[in-house]
Amino acid sequence: MAMEQYTTLARKGEGEYVEKRSRFIGVAAPVSTPEEAAALVSEVKAKYYDARHHCYAYRLRNGVQRYADDGEPQGTAGLPILDILERRDLTDCIIIVTRYFGGTLLGTGGLVRSYSAAGNAALDNAALLVMQPYIKGSFSCQYNQQGRLQPLVEQFDGLMQQIEYSHQVDFSFLLPVASREEFAAQLIEKSYGEVTPVFGETIYGGAAEGQWFSAE
């Protein structure tokens, strides 16, 4: 399994932009194949069946990328949307922007600005997901240390998996491999040398909004 880091989306996001009464509705979503992308485009077209344009762009990890202007002047819709994905270095995701014409021509610059704004709005309402190597970890502490130590997992972009309470508090978590050394140093420092993490196997995936996403 490839272990390189990449950024995608954990879930769908939607956003809107209005320019001179033209309404631009953006949808950003994770996809992993051209078939998934095509299915989502069809879904959006069916939902907004009375709209004039459904423009999109997507990028996949295998290097495949596509865009479509869907009747808009060449270079004013699909390419600006693709540029958003490239500038944010996002892969395995698609942005679709549906336009309801407002009666006033926007010109080339207005179209580029509007499609870009709607695409960015959709991404801003989605959840970014960084896929990378994670390491399983654990540590135990006294009850009076929990308030200082538990937040470190989230601070270092980790995901808490389990907390058990007995004569002490036992934590099990996932942590980006790249954060391992600094996390351990902070844990030792904040516990005044009393707590040391134990690390186990490395797995590949990502964490977003408190949820774990395994790599396929």
N, C-alpha and C. Protein backbone atom coordinates (compact mmCIF):
# COMPACT_ATOMS: atom_id res chain seq x y z
N MET A 1 0.84 -1.20 0.00
CA MET A 1 0.00 0.00 0.00
C MET A 1 0.87 1.25 0.00
N ALA A 2 0.57 2.16 -0.88
CA ALA A 2 1.31 3.42 -0.91
C ALA A 2 1.08 4.19 0.39
N MET A 3 2.16 4.82 0.86
CA MET A 3 2.07 5.49 2.16
C MET A 3 2.27 7.00 2.04
N GLU A 4 2.19 7.53 0.83
CA GLU A 4 2.36 8.97 0.68
C GLU A 4 1.13 9.71 1.22
N GLN A 5 1.35 10.93 1.61
CA GLN A 5 0.26 11.74 2.15
C GLN A 5 -0.47 12.45 1.01
N TYR A 6 -1.79 12.51 1.13
CA TYR A 6 -2.58 13.30 0.18
C TYR A 6 -3.82 13.83 0.89
N THR A 7 -4.42 14.86 0.31
CA THR A 7 -5.59 15.49 0.92
C THR A 7 -6.80 15.33 0.01
N THR A 8 -7.90 14.91 0.61
CA THR A 8 -9.15 14.75 -0.11
C THR A 8 -10.28 15.32 0.76
N LEU A 9 -11.50 14.84 0.57
CA LEU A 9 -12.63 15.29 1.37
C LEU A 9 -13.21 14.13 2.16
N ALA A 10 -13.66 14.42 3.37
CA ALA A 10 -14.29 13.40 4.19
C ALA A 10 -15.78 13.29 3.88
N ARG A 11 -16.36 14.39 3.43
CA ARG A 11 -17.80 14.40 3.16
C ARG A 11 -18.12 15.51 2.17
N LYS A 12 -19.34 15.50 1.72
CA LYS A 12 -19.82 16.50 0.75
C LYS A 12 -19.99 17.87 1.41
N GLY A 13 -19.76 18.90 0.61
CA GLY A 13 -20.02 20.26 1.05
C GLY A 13 -20.73 21.03 -0.04
N GLU A 14 -21.56 21.99 0.33
CA GLU A 14 -22.29 22.79 -0.65
C GLU A 14 -22.16 24.27 -0.33
N GLY A 15 -22.22 25.10 -1.38
CA GLY A 15 -22.13 26.54 -1.18
C GLY A 15 -22.73 27.26 -2.38
N GLU A 16 -23.07 28.54 -2.20
CA GLU A 16 -23.71 29.32 -3.27
C GLU A 16 -23.01 30.66 -3.46
N TYR A 17 -23.17 31.17 -4.67
CA TYR A 17 -22.69 32.51 -5.00
C TYR A 17 -23.68 33.12 -5.99
N VAL A 18 -24.03 34.38 -5.79
CA VAL A 18 -24.97 35.07 -6.68
C VAL A 18 -24.29 36.27 -7.31
N GLU A 19 -24.38 36.37 -8.63
CA GLU A 19 -23.81 37.49 -9.37
C GLU A 19 -24.85 37.99 -10.37
N LYS A 20 -25.30 39.22 -10.19
CA LYS A 20 -26.29 39.83 -11.09
C LYS A 20 -27.47 38.89 -11.35
N ARG A 21 -27.97 38.37 -10.26
CA ARG A 21 -29.15 37.49 -10.24
C ARG A 21 -28.89 36.09 -10.82
N SER A 22 -27.69 35.84 -11.34
CA SER A 22 -27.35 34.47 -11.70
C SER A 22 -26.93 33.73 -10.42
N ARG A 23 -27.51 32.56 -10.25
CA ARG A 23 -27.26 31.78 -9.03
C ARG A 23 -26.33 30.61 -9.35
N PHE A 24 -25.24 30.52 -8.62
CA PHE A 24 -24.26 29.46 -8.80
C PHE A 24 -24.25 28.57 -7.56
N ILE A 25 -24.57 27.30 -7.74
CA ILE A 25 -24.66 26.34 -6.63
C ILE A 25 -23.52 25.35 -6.73
N GLY A 26 -22.64 25.36 -5.76
CA GLY A 26 -21.48 24.47 -5.78
C GLY A 26 -21.66 23.25 -4.91
N VAL A 27 -21.16 22.12 -5.38
CA VAL A 27 -21.14 20.87 -4.63
C VAL A 27 -19.74 20.30 -4.71
N ALA A 28 -19.13 20.01 -3.59
CA ALA A 28 -17.82 19.37 -3.54
C ALA A 28 -17.98 18.04 -2.81
N ALA A 29 -17.39 16.98 -3.35
CA ALA A 29 -17.59 15.66 -2.76
C ALA A 29 -16.40 14.75 -3.05
N PRO A 30 -16.17 13.75 -2.19
CA PRO A 30 -15.12 12.77 -2.47
C PRO A 30 -15.57 11.78 -3.53
N VAL A 31 -14.69 11.48 -4.46
CA VAL A 31 -14.90 10.43 -5.47
C VAL A 31 -13.57 9.74 -5.70
N SER A 32 -13.60 8.49 -6.09
CA SER A 32 -12.34 7.75 -6.30
C SER A 32 -12.22 7.17 -7.69
N THR A 33 -13.27 7.26 -8.49
CA THR A 33 -13.23 6.74 -9.86
C THR A 33 -14.00 7.67 -10.79
N PRO A 34 -13.72 7.59 -12.10
CA PRO A 34 -14.51 8.38 -13.06
C PRO A 34 -16.00 8.02 -13.01
N GLU A 35 -16.29 6.76 -12.71
CA GLU A 35 -17.69 6.34 -12.64
C GLU A 35 -18.41 7.01 -11.47
N GLU A 36 -17.73 7.12 -10.33
CA GLU A 36 -18.34 7.81 -9.19
C GLU A 36 -18.56 9.28 -9.51
N ALA A 37 -17.60 9.87 -10.18
CA ALA A 37 -17.74 11.28 -10.56
C ALA A 37 -18.92 11.48 -11.50
N ALA A 38 -19.04 10.61 -12.51
CA ALA A 38 -20.14 10.72 -13.47
C ALA A 38 -21.49 10.53 -12.79
N ALA A 39 -21.54 9.63 -11.83
CA ALA A 39 -22.79 9.37 -11.11
C ALA A 39 -23.21 10.60 -10.30
N LEU A 40 -22.25 11.28 -9.70
CA LEU A 40 -22.58 12.47 -8.91
C LEU A 40 -23.02 13.61 -9.82
N VAL A 41 -22.38 13.75 -10.97
CA VAL A 41 -22.80 14.78 -11.92
C VAL A 41 -24.25 14.52 -12.35
N SER A 42 -24.57 13.26 -12.63
CA SER A 42 -25.94 12.91 -13.01
C SER A 42 -26.93 13.21 -11.89
N GLU A 43 -26.51 12.96 -10.67
CA GLU A 43 -27.37 13.23 -9.51
C GLU A 43 -27.66 14.73 -9.37
N VAL A 44 -26.63 15.54 -9.56
CA VAL A 44 -26.80 16.99 -9.45
C VAL A 44 -27.67 17.50 -10.60
N LYS A 45 -27.47 16.97 -11.80
CA LYS A 45 -28.29 17.39 -12.94
C LYS A 45 -29.76 17.05 -12.72
N ALA A 46 -30.01 15.90 -12.11
CA ALA A 46 -31.39 15.51 -11.84
C ALA A 46 -32.02 16.40 -10.77
N LYS A 47 -31.22 16.78 -9.77
CA LYS A 47 -31.74 17.63 -8.69
C LYS A 47 -32.06 19.03 -9.20
N TYR A 48 -31.17 19.58 -10.04
CA TYR A 48 -31.36 20.92 -10.59
C TYR A 48 -31.65 20.80 -12.09
N TYR A 49 -32.68 20.07 -12.41
CA TYR A 49 -32.97 19.73 -13.80
C TYR A 49 -33.31 20.94 -14.67
N ASP A 50 -33.74 22.02 -14.05
CA ASP A 50 -34.15 23.19 -14.81
C ASP A 50 -33.05 24.24 -14.93
N ALA A 51 -31.84 23.89 -14.50
CA ALA A 51 -30.72 24.83 -14.62
C ALA A 51 -30.09 24.75 -16.01
N ARG A 52 -29.43 25.81 -16.41
CA ARG A 52 -28.87 25.87 -17.76
C ARG A 52 -27.52 25.18 -17.88
N HIS A 53 -26.71 25.21 -16.83
CA HIS A 53 -25.35 24.68 -16.92
C HIS A 53 -24.99 23.89 -15.65
N HIS A 54 -24.27 22.79 -15.85
CA HIS A 54 -23.72 21.99 -14.75
C HIS A 54 -22.25 21.75 -15.08
N CYS A 55 -21.40 22.60 -14.60
CA CYS A 55 -19.98 22.54 -14.92
C CYS A 55 -19.22 21.87 -13.77
N TYR A 56 -18.14 21.18 -14.11
CA TYR A 56 -17.45 20.43 -13.06
C TYR A 56 -15.98 20.22 -13.40
N ALA A 57 -15.26 19.76 -12.38
CA ALA A 57 -13.89 19.29 -12.56
C ALA A 57 -13.59 18.30 -11.44
N TYR A 58 -12.78 17.31 -11.75
CA TYR A 58 -12.34 16.39 -10.70
C TYR A 58 -10.90 15.95 -10.94
N ARG A 59 -10.25 15.56 -9.86
CA ARG A 59 -8.88 15.04 -9.88
C ARG A 59 -8.84 13.75 -9.08
N LEU A 60 -8.17 12.75 -9.62
CA LEU A 60 -8.02 11.46 -8.94
C LEU A 60 -6.56 11.20 -8.63
N ARG A 61 -6.31 10.35 -7.67
CA ARG A 61 -4.94 10.06 -7.24
C ARG A 61 -4.12 9.42 -8.34
N ASN A 62 -4.77 8.70 -9.25
CA ASN A 62 -4.03 8.03 -10.31
C ASN A 62 -3.62 8.97 -11.44
N GLY A 63 -3.87 10.27 -11.27
CA GLY A 63 -3.47 11.25 -12.25
C GLY A 63 -4.56 11.65 -13.23
N VAL A 64 -5.68 10.94 -13.21
CA VAL A 64 -6.79 11.29 -14.10
C VAL A 64 -7.45 12.57 -13.63
N GLN A 65 -7.70 13.48 -14.54
CA GLN A 65 -8.46 14.68 -14.21
C GLN A 65 -9.31 15.07 -15.42
N ARG A 66 -10.50 15.57 -15.13
CA ARG A 66 -11.44 15.94 -16.18
C ARG A 66 -12.13 17.25 -15.78
N TYR A 67 -12.59 17.98 -16.80
CA TYR A 67 -13.40 19.16 -16.53
C TYR A 67 -14.36 19.36 -17.69
N ALA A 68 -15.45 20.08 -17.42
CA ALA A 68 -16.45 20.33 -18.46
C ALA A 68 -17.06 21.71 -18.26
N ASP A 69 -17.19 22.45 -19.36
CA ASP A 69 -17.81 23.78 -19.33
C ASP A 69 -19.31 23.71 -19.52
N ASP A 70 -19.81 22.60 -20.04
CA ASP A 70 -21.25 22.38 -20.21
C ASP A 70 -21.97 23.57 -20.84
N GLY A 71 -21.45 24.03 -21.96
CA GLY A 71 -22.14 25.09 -22.68
C GLY A 71 -21.68 26.50 -22.38
N GLU A 72 -20.91 26.68 -21.32
CA GLU A 72 -20.36 28.00 -21.03
C GLU A 72 -19.18 28.26 -21.97
N PRO A 73 -18.80 29.52 -22.19
CA PRO A 73 -17.64 29.82 -23.04
C PRO A 73 -16.40 29.07 -22.55
N GLN A 74 -15.63 28.56 -23.50
CA GLN A 74 -14.47 27.75 -23.15
C GLN A 74 -13.53 28.46 -22.18
N GLY A 75 -13.14 27.76 -21.14
CA GLY A 75 -12.19 28.29 -20.17
C GLY A 75 -12.80 29.12 -19.06
N THR A 76 -14.13 29.28 -19.04
CA THR A 76 -14.74 30.15 -18.02
C THR A 76 -15.33 29.39 -16.85
N ALA A 77 -15.40 28.06 -16.91
CA ALA A 77 -16.08 27.30 -15.85
C ALA A 77 -15.27 26.09 -15.40
N GLY A 78 -15.12 25.10 -16.29
CA GLY A 78 -14.43 23.88 -15.90
C GLY A 78 -12.99 24.10 -15.47
N LEU A 79 -12.24 24.87 -16.25
CA LEU A 79 -10.83 25.12 -15.90
C LEU A 79 -10.67 25.90 -14.60
N PRO A 80 -11.45 26.96 -14.37
CA PRO A 80 -11.34 27.63 -13.07
C PRO A 80 -11.67 26.71 -11.89
N ILE A 81 -12.61 25.79 -12.08
CA ILE A 81 -12.94 24.84 -11.01
C ILE A 81 -11.77 23.88 -10.79
N LEU A 82 -11.19 23.39 -11.89
CA LEU A 82 -10.02 22.51 -11.78
C LEU A 82 -8.87 23.23 -11.09
N ASP A 83 -8.73 24.51 -11.38
CA ASP A 83 -7.65 25.29 -10.77
C ASP A 83 -7.79 25.34 -9.25
N ILE A 84 -9.02 25.37 -8.77
CA ILE A 84 -9.25 25.35 -7.32
C ILE A 84 -8.67 24.07 -6.72
N LEU A 85 -8.97 22.94 -7.34
CA LEU A 85 -8.48 21.66 -6.83
C LEU A 85 -6.96 21.59 -6.88
N GLU A 86 -6.38 22.13 -7.94
CA GLU A 86 -4.93 22.11 -8.07
C GLU A 86 -4.26 23.02 -7.05
N ARG A 87 -4.81 24.21 -6.86
CA ARG A 87 -4.21 25.15 -5.91
C ARG A 87 -4.30 24.64 -4.48
N ARG A 88 -5.38 23.95 -4.17
CA ARG A 88 -5.53 23.39 -2.82
C ARG A 88 -4.92 22.00 -2.71
N ASP A 89 -4.38 21.51 -3.81
CA ASP A 89 -3.73 20.19 -3.87
C ASP A 89 -4.67 19.10 -3.35
N LEU A 90 -5.88 19.08 -3.89
CA LEU A 90 -6.88 18.09 -3.50
C LEU A 90 -7.01 17.02 -4.58
N THR A 91 -7.10 15.78 -4.17
CA THR A 91 -7.30 14.68 -5.11
C THR A 91 -8.44 13.80 -4.63
N ASP A 92 -8.88 12.91 -5.52
CA ASP A 92 -10.02 12.03 -5.23
C ASP A 92 -11.24 12.84 -4.81
N CYS A 93 -11.48 13.93 -5.52
CA CYS A 93 -12.67 14.73 -5.22
C CYS A 93 -13.12 15.49 -6.46
N ILE A 94 -14.36 15.93 -6.42
CA ILE A 94 -14.98 16.63 -7.54
C ILE A 94 -15.69 17.87 -7.04
N ILE A 95 -15.72 18.88 -7.88
CA ILE A 95 -16.54 20.07 -7.63
C ILE A 95 -17.47 20.25 -8.82
N ILE A 96 -18.75 20.38 -8.53
CA ILE A 96 -19.75 20.64 -9.56
C ILE A 96 -20.41 21.97 -9.25
N VAL A 97 -20.53 22.83 -10.24
CA VAL A 97 -21.20 24.12 -10.04
C VAL A 97 -22.34 24.23 -11.04
N THR A 98 -23.54 24.37 -10.51
CA THR A 98 -24.75 24.52 -11.32
C THR A 98 -25.10 26.01 -11.40
N ARG A 99 -25.46 26.46 -12.61
CA ARG A 99 -25.79 27.87 -12.80
C ARG A 99 -27.23 28.04 -13.25
N TYR A 100 -27.94 28.90 -12.53
CA TYR A 100 -29.25 29.39 -12.97
C TYR A 100 -29.04 30.80 -13.52
N PHE A 101 -29.31 30.97 -14.80
CA PHE A 101 -29.08 32.25 -15.46
C PHE A 101 -30.02 33.32 -14.93
N GLY A 102 -29.45 34.50 -14.63
CA GLY A 102 -30.24 35.56 -14.04
C GLY A 102 -30.70 36.63 -15.01
N GLY A 103 -30.41 36.43 -16.31
CA GLY A 103 -30.90 37.39 -17.29
C GLY A 103 -29.88 38.40 -17.74
N THR A 104 -28.72 38.45 -17.07
CA THR A 104 -27.68 39.41 -17.44
C THR A 104 -26.40 38.67 -17.77
N LEU A 105 -25.80 38.95 -18.92
CA LEU A 105 -24.53 38.33 -19.28
C LEU A 105 -23.43 38.82 -18.34
N LEU A 106 -22.59 37.88 -17.90
CA LEU A 106 -21.57 38.23 -16.91
C LEU A 106 -20.21 38.49 -17.54
N GLY A 107 -20.03 38.10 -18.78
CA GLY A 107 -18.73 38.26 -19.40
C GLY A 107 -17.75 37.20 -18.92
N THR A 108 -16.64 37.09 -19.61
CA THR A 108 -15.65 36.06 -19.27
C THR A 108 -15.15 36.18 -17.83
N GLY A 109 -14.76 37.38 -17.45
CA GLY A 109 -14.25 37.58 -16.09
C GLY A 109 -15.28 37.29 -15.03
N GLY A 110 -16.51 37.71 -15.29
CA GLY A 110 -17.58 37.46 -14.33
C GLY A 110 -17.88 35.98 -14.16
N LEU A 111 -17.82 35.23 -15.24
CA LEU A 111 -18.06 33.79 -15.16
C LEU A 111 -16.95 33.09 -14.38
N VAL A 112 -15.71 33.42 -14.71
CA VAL A 112 -14.58 32.81 -14.00
C VAL A 112 -14.68 33.10 -12.51
N ARG A 113 -14.95 34.34 -12.16
CA ARG A 113 -15.05 34.73 -10.75
C ARG A 113 -16.20 34.00 -10.07
N SER A 114 -17.33 33.87 -10.74
CA SER A 114 -18.52 33.28 -10.13
C SER A 114 -18.38 31.77 -9.95
N TYR A 115 -17.87 31.09 -10.97
CA TYR A 115 -17.67 29.64 -10.83
C TYR A 115 -16.62 29.34 -9.77
N SER A 116 -15.59 30.16 -9.72
CA SER A 116 -14.55 29.97 -8.70
C SER A 116 -15.12 30.21 -7.30
N ALA A 117 -15.91 31.25 -7.15
CA ALA A 117 -16.47 31.58 -5.84
C ALA A 117 -17.40 30.48 -5.35
N ALA A 118 -18.23 29.94 -6.23
CA ALA A 118 -19.15 28.87 -5.82
C ALA A 118 -18.39 27.59 -5.49
N GLY A 119 -17.35 27.29 -6.27
CA GLY A 119 -16.54 26.11 -5.98
C GLY A 119 -15.83 26.22 -4.65
N ASN A 120 -15.26 27.38 -4.38
CA ASN A 120 -14.57 27.59 -3.10
C ASN A 120 -15.55 27.54 -1.93
N ALA A 121 -16.76 28.08 -2.13
CA ALA A 121 -17.76 28.05 -1.07
C ALA A 121 -18.14 26.61 -0.72
N ALA A 122 -18.26 25.77 -1.74
CA ALA A 122 -18.58 24.36 -1.49
C ALA A 122 -17.46 23.68 -0.72
N LEU A 123 -16.22 23.94 -1.11
CA LEU A 123 -15.09 23.33 -0.40
C LEU A 123 -15.00 23.82 1.04
N ASP A 124 -15.29 25.09 1.25
CA ASP A 124 -15.22 25.65 2.60
C ASP A 124 -16.24 24.99 3.53
N ASN A 125 -17.31 24.44 2.97
CA ASN A 125 -18.33 23.79 3.78
C ASN A 125 -18.17 22.26 3.82
N ALA A 126 -17.13 21.76 3.16
CA ALA A 126 -16.83 20.34 3.22
C ALA A 126 -15.78 20.11 4.33
N ALA A 127 -15.45 18.87 4.57
CA ALA A 127 -14.45 18.55 5.58
C ALA A 127 -13.21 17.99 4.90
N LEU A 128 -12.09 18.66 5.04
CA LEU A 128 -10.85 18.17 4.46
C LEU A 128 -10.36 16.94 5.22
N LEU A 129 -9.77 16.02 4.47
CA LEU A 129 -9.30 14.77 5.05
C LEU A 129 -7.88 14.50 4.55
N VAL A 130 -6.92 14.49 5.47
CA VAL A 130 -5.54 14.20 5.12
C VAL A 130 -5.29 12.71 5.34
N MET A 131 -5.00 12.00 4.27
CA MET A 131 -4.70 10.57 4.36
C MET A 131 -3.19 10.41 4.47
N GLN A 132 -2.75 9.66 5.49
CA GLN A 132 -1.33 9.54 5.78
C GLN A 132 -1.09 8.38 6.74
N PRO A 133 0.14 8.02 6.99
CA PRO A 133 0.42 6.97 7.97
C PRO A 133 0.09 7.45 9.39
N TYR A 134 -0.61 6.62 10.12
CA TYR A 134 -0.91 6.86 11.53
C TYR A 134 -0.30 5.74 12.36
N ILE A 135 0.00 6.05 13.61
CA ILE A 135 0.52 5.05 14.52
C ILE A 135 -0.45 4.89 15.69
N LYS A 136 -0.64 3.64 16.10
CA LYS A 136 -1.49 3.37 17.26
C LYS A 136 -0.70 3.66 18.53
N GLY A 137 -1.35 4.33 19.48
CA GLY A 137 -0.67 4.68 20.71
C GLY A 137 -1.55 4.55 21.93
N SER A 138 -0.92 4.59 23.08
CA SER A 138 -1.67 4.53 24.34
C SER A 138 -0.83 5.17 25.44
N PHE A 139 -1.51 5.62 26.47
CA PHE A 139 -0.84 6.07 27.68
C PHE A 139 -1.85 6.05 28.82
N SER A 140 -1.33 6.02 30.03
CA SER A 140 -2.17 6.01 31.23
C SER A 140 -1.73 7.14 32.14
N CYS A 141 -2.70 7.73 32.84
CA CYS A 141 -2.38 8.83 33.74
C CYS A 141 -3.32 8.83 34.94
N GLN A 142 -3.01 9.67 35.90
CA GLN A 142 -3.88 9.83 37.05
C GLN A 142 -5.05 10.75 36.67
N TYR A 143 -6.11 10.66 37.45
CA TYR A 143 -7.30 11.45 37.14
C TYR A 143 -7.02 12.95 37.12
N ASN A 144 -6.16 13.40 37.99
CA ASN A 144 -5.90 14.84 38.04
C ASN A 144 -5.00 15.32 36.90
N GLN A 145 -4.51 14.39 36.07
CA GLN A 145 -3.70 14.75 34.91
C GLN A 145 -4.50 14.75 33.60
N GLN A 146 -5.70 14.19 33.65
CA GLN A 146 -6.46 14.00 32.42
C GLN A 146 -6.72 15.31 31.68
N GLY A 147 -7.09 16.34 32.42
CA GLY A 147 -7.42 17.62 31.79
C GLY A 147 -6.26 18.22 31.03
N ARG A 148 -5.03 17.96 31.46
CA ARG A 148 -3.85 18.50 30.77
C ARG A 148 -3.42 17.62 29.60
N LEU A 149 -3.56 16.32 29.74
CA LEU A 149 -2.96 15.40 28.78
C LEU A 149 -3.90 14.97 27.65
N GLN A 150 -5.17 14.76 27.96
CA GLN A 150 -6.09 14.28 26.92
C GLN A 150 -6.15 15.21 25.70
N PRO A 151 -6.19 16.56 25.88
CA PRO A 151 -6.28 17.44 24.71
C PRO A 151 -5.10 17.35 23.76
N LEU A 152 -3.98 16.78 24.20
CA LEU A 152 -2.81 16.69 23.33
C LEU A 152 -3.07 15.84 22.09
N VAL A 153 -3.91 14.82 22.23
CA VAL A 153 -4.20 13.94 21.09
C VAL A 153 -4.82 14.75 19.96
N GLU A 154 -5.83 15.54 20.28
CA GLU A 154 -6.48 16.36 19.26
C GLU A 154 -5.55 17.47 18.79
N GLN A 155 -4.76 18.03 19.70
CA GLN A 155 -3.84 19.11 19.34
C GLN A 155 -2.87 18.67 18.26
N PHE A 156 -2.50 17.39 18.25
CA PHE A 156 -1.56 16.88 17.26
C PHE A 156 -2.29 16.12 16.15
N ASP A 157 -3.56 16.47 15.93
CA ASP A 157 -4.37 15.92 14.84
C ASP A 157 -4.57 14.42 14.95
N GLY A 158 -4.59 13.93 16.18
CA GLY A 158 -4.86 12.51 16.41
C GLY A 158 -6.33 12.26 16.63
N LEU A 159 -6.66 10.98 16.79
CA LEU A 159 -8.04 10.57 17.02
C LEU A 159 -8.10 9.67 18.23
N MET A 160 -8.85 10.09 19.24
CA MET A 160 -9.02 9.26 20.44
C MET A 160 -9.93 8.09 20.12
N GLN A 161 -9.49 6.87 20.42
CA GLN A 161 -10.27 5.69 20.13
C GLN A 161 -11.01 5.16 21.35
N GLN A 162 -10.37 5.19 22.50
CA GLN A 162 -11.00 4.62 23.69
C GLN A 162 -10.43 5.25 24.96
N ILE A 163 -11.29 5.46 25.93
CA ILE A 163 -10.89 5.92 27.26
C ILE A 163 -11.49 4.97 28.29
N GLU A 164 -10.66 4.41 29.13
CA GLU A 164 -11.12 3.49 30.17
C GLU A 164 -10.75 4.05 31.54
N TYR A 165 -11.69 3.93 32.46
CA TYR A 165 -11.50 4.45 33.81
C TYR A 165 -11.43 3.30 34.81
N SER A 166 -10.36 3.26 35.58
CA SER A 166 -10.21 2.28 36.66
C SER A 166 -9.52 3.01 37.81
N HIS A 167 -8.42 2.48 38.30
CA HIS A 167 -7.66 3.22 39.30
C HIS A 167 -6.88 4.36 38.66
N GLN A 168 -6.85 4.34 37.30
CA GLN A 168 -6.23 5.40 36.52
C GLN A 168 -7.04 5.57 35.24
N VAL A 169 -6.60 6.48 34.38
CA VAL A 169 -7.28 6.69 33.11
C VAL A 169 -6.39 6.16 31.99
N ASP A 170 -6.94 5.26 31.18
CA ASP A 170 -6.18 4.64 30.08
C ASP A 170 -6.71 5.14 28.74
N PHE A 171 -5.81 5.65 27.92
CA PHE A 171 -6.18 6.19 26.61
C PHE A 171 -5.60 5.35 25.49
N SER A 172 -6.41 5.12 24.46
CA SER A 172 -5.94 4.50 23.22
C SER A 172 -6.27 5.48 22.10
N PHE A 173 -5.33 5.69 21.18
CA PHE A 173 -5.52 6.74 20.17
C PHE A 173 -4.74 6.40 18.91
N LEU A 174 -5.06 7.16 17.85
CA LEU A 174 -4.30 7.12 16.59
C LEU A 174 -3.67 8.49 16.40
N LEU A 175 -2.43 8.49 15.93
CA LEU A 175 -1.68 9.74 15.79
C LEU A 175 -0.90 9.73 14.48
N PRO A 176 -0.90 10.86 13.74
CA PRO A 176 -0.06 10.91 12.55
C PRO A 176 1.39 10.57 12.90
N VAL A 177 2.00 9.70 12.12
CA VAL A 177 3.38 9.29 12.40
C VAL A 177 4.31 10.49 12.50
N ALA A 178 4.06 11.49 11.67
CA ALA A 178 4.93 12.66 11.65
C ALA A 178 4.90 13.43 12.97
N SER A 179 3.85 13.23 13.78
CA SER A 179 3.71 13.97 15.04
C SER A 179 4.20 13.17 16.25
N ARG A 180 4.67 11.98 16.01
CA ARG A 180 4.98 11.07 17.12
C ARG A 180 5.98 11.65 18.12
N GLU A 181 7.11 12.12 17.65
CA GLU A 181 8.16 12.58 18.56
C GLU A 181 7.75 13.81 19.35
N GLU A 182 7.13 14.78 18.66
CA GLU A 182 6.73 16.01 19.35
C GLU A 182 5.61 15.73 20.34
N PHE A 183 4.67 14.84 19.96
CA PHE A 183 3.60 14.46 20.88
C PHE A 183 4.18 13.84 22.15
N ALA A 184 5.11 12.90 21.97
CA ALA A 184 5.71 12.24 23.13
C ALA A 184 6.42 13.25 24.03
N ALA A 185 7.13 14.18 23.42
CA ALA A 185 7.85 15.19 24.19
C ALA A 185 6.88 16.06 25.00
N GLN A 186 5.79 16.46 24.38
CA GLN A 186 4.80 17.29 25.06
C GLN A 186 4.10 16.51 26.18
N LEU A 187 3.81 15.25 25.93
CA LEU A 187 3.15 14.43 26.95
C LEU A 187 4.05 14.28 28.18
N ILE A 188 5.31 14.03 27.95
CA ILE A 188 6.25 13.89 29.06
C ILE A 188 6.40 15.21 29.81
N GLU A 189 6.49 16.30 29.06
CA GLU A 189 6.66 17.61 29.69
C GLU A 189 5.44 17.99 30.54
N LYS A 190 4.23 17.82 29.97
CA LYS A 190 3.02 18.24 30.68
C LYS A 190 2.68 17.32 31.85
N SER A 191 3.23 16.12 31.84
CA SER A 191 2.99 15.21 32.98
C SER A 191 4.16 15.24 33.96
N TYR A 192 5.09 16.18 33.74
CA TYR A 192 6.27 16.33 34.59
C TYR A 192 7.06 15.02 34.68
N GLY A 193 7.14 14.33 33.52
CA GLY A 193 7.94 13.12 33.43
C GLY A 193 7.27 11.87 33.94
N GLU A 194 6.01 11.96 34.33
CA GLU A 194 5.33 10.80 34.92
C GLU A 194 4.66 9.90 33.87
N VAL A 195 4.38 10.43 32.68
CA VAL A 195 3.64 9.67 31.67
C VAL A 195 4.45 9.60 30.38
N THR A 196 4.57 8.38 29.86
CA THR A 196 5.26 8.15 28.59
C THR A 196 4.35 7.36 27.67
N PRO A 197 4.19 7.75 26.41
CA PRO A 197 3.31 7.01 25.51
C PRO A 197 3.94 5.70 25.05
N VAL A 198 3.09 4.75 24.73
CA VAL A 198 3.52 3.49 24.14
C VAL A 198 2.95 3.44 22.72
N PHE A 199 3.80 3.18 21.74
CA PHE A 199 3.36 3.15 20.35
C PHE A 199 3.40 1.74 19.80
N GLY A 200 2.45 1.47 18.88
CA GLY A 200 2.35 0.15 18.29
C GLY A 200 2.47 0.17 16.79
N GLU A 201 1.57 -0.52 16.11
CA GLU A 201 1.66 -0.67 14.66
C GLU A 201 1.26 0.60 13.92
N THR A 202 1.72 0.70 12.69
CA THR A 202 1.40 1.81 11.81
C THR A 202 0.33 1.38 10.81
N ILE A 203 -0.68 2.22 10.63
CA ILE A 203 -1.73 1.95 9.66
C ILE A 203 -1.89 3.18 8.77
N TYR A 204 -2.66 3.05 7.71
CA TYR A 204 -2.81 4.16 6.76
C TYR A 204 -4.27 4.57 6.70
N GLY A 205 -4.52 5.87 6.82
CA GLY A 205 -5.88 6.37 6.75
C GLY A 205 -5.91 7.84 7.10
N GLY A 206 -7.06 8.30 7.59
CA GLY A 206 -7.20 9.71 7.94
C GLY A 206 -8.29 9.92 8.96
N ALA A 207 -8.22 11.03 9.67
CA ALA A 207 -9.21 11.36 10.69
C ALA A 207 -9.78 12.74 10.40
N ALA A 208 -11.11 12.86 10.49
CA ALA A 208 -11.77 14.14 10.30
C ALA A 208 -13.07 14.15 11.07
N GLU A 209 -13.32 15.24 11.78
CA GLU A 209 -14.56 15.42 12.54
C GLU A 209 -14.82 14.23 13.48
N GLY A 210 -13.75 13.74 14.10
CA GLY A 210 -13.89 12.67 15.08
C GLY A 210 -14.15 11.29 14.50
N GLN A 211 -13.97 11.14 13.20
CA GLN A 211 -14.23 9.86 12.54
C GLN A 211 -12.99 9.37 11.83
N TRP A 212 -12.81 8.04 11.80
CA TRP A 212 -11.66 7.44 11.14
C TRP A 212 -12.06 6.94 9.75
N PHE A 213 -11.19 7.24 8.77
CA PHE A 213 -11.42 6.81 7.40
C PHE A 213 -10.26 5.92 6.98
N SER A 214 -10.56 4.65 6.70
CA SER A 214 -9.52 3.72 6.28
C SER A 214 -9.25 3.87 4.79
N ALA A 215 -7.99 3.69 4.42
CA ALA A 215 -7.65 3.71 3.00
C ALA A 215 -8.13 2.44 2.35
N GLU A 216 -8.61 2.56 1.12
CA GLU A 216 -9.11 1.38 0.40
C GLU A 216 -7.95 0.57 -0.15
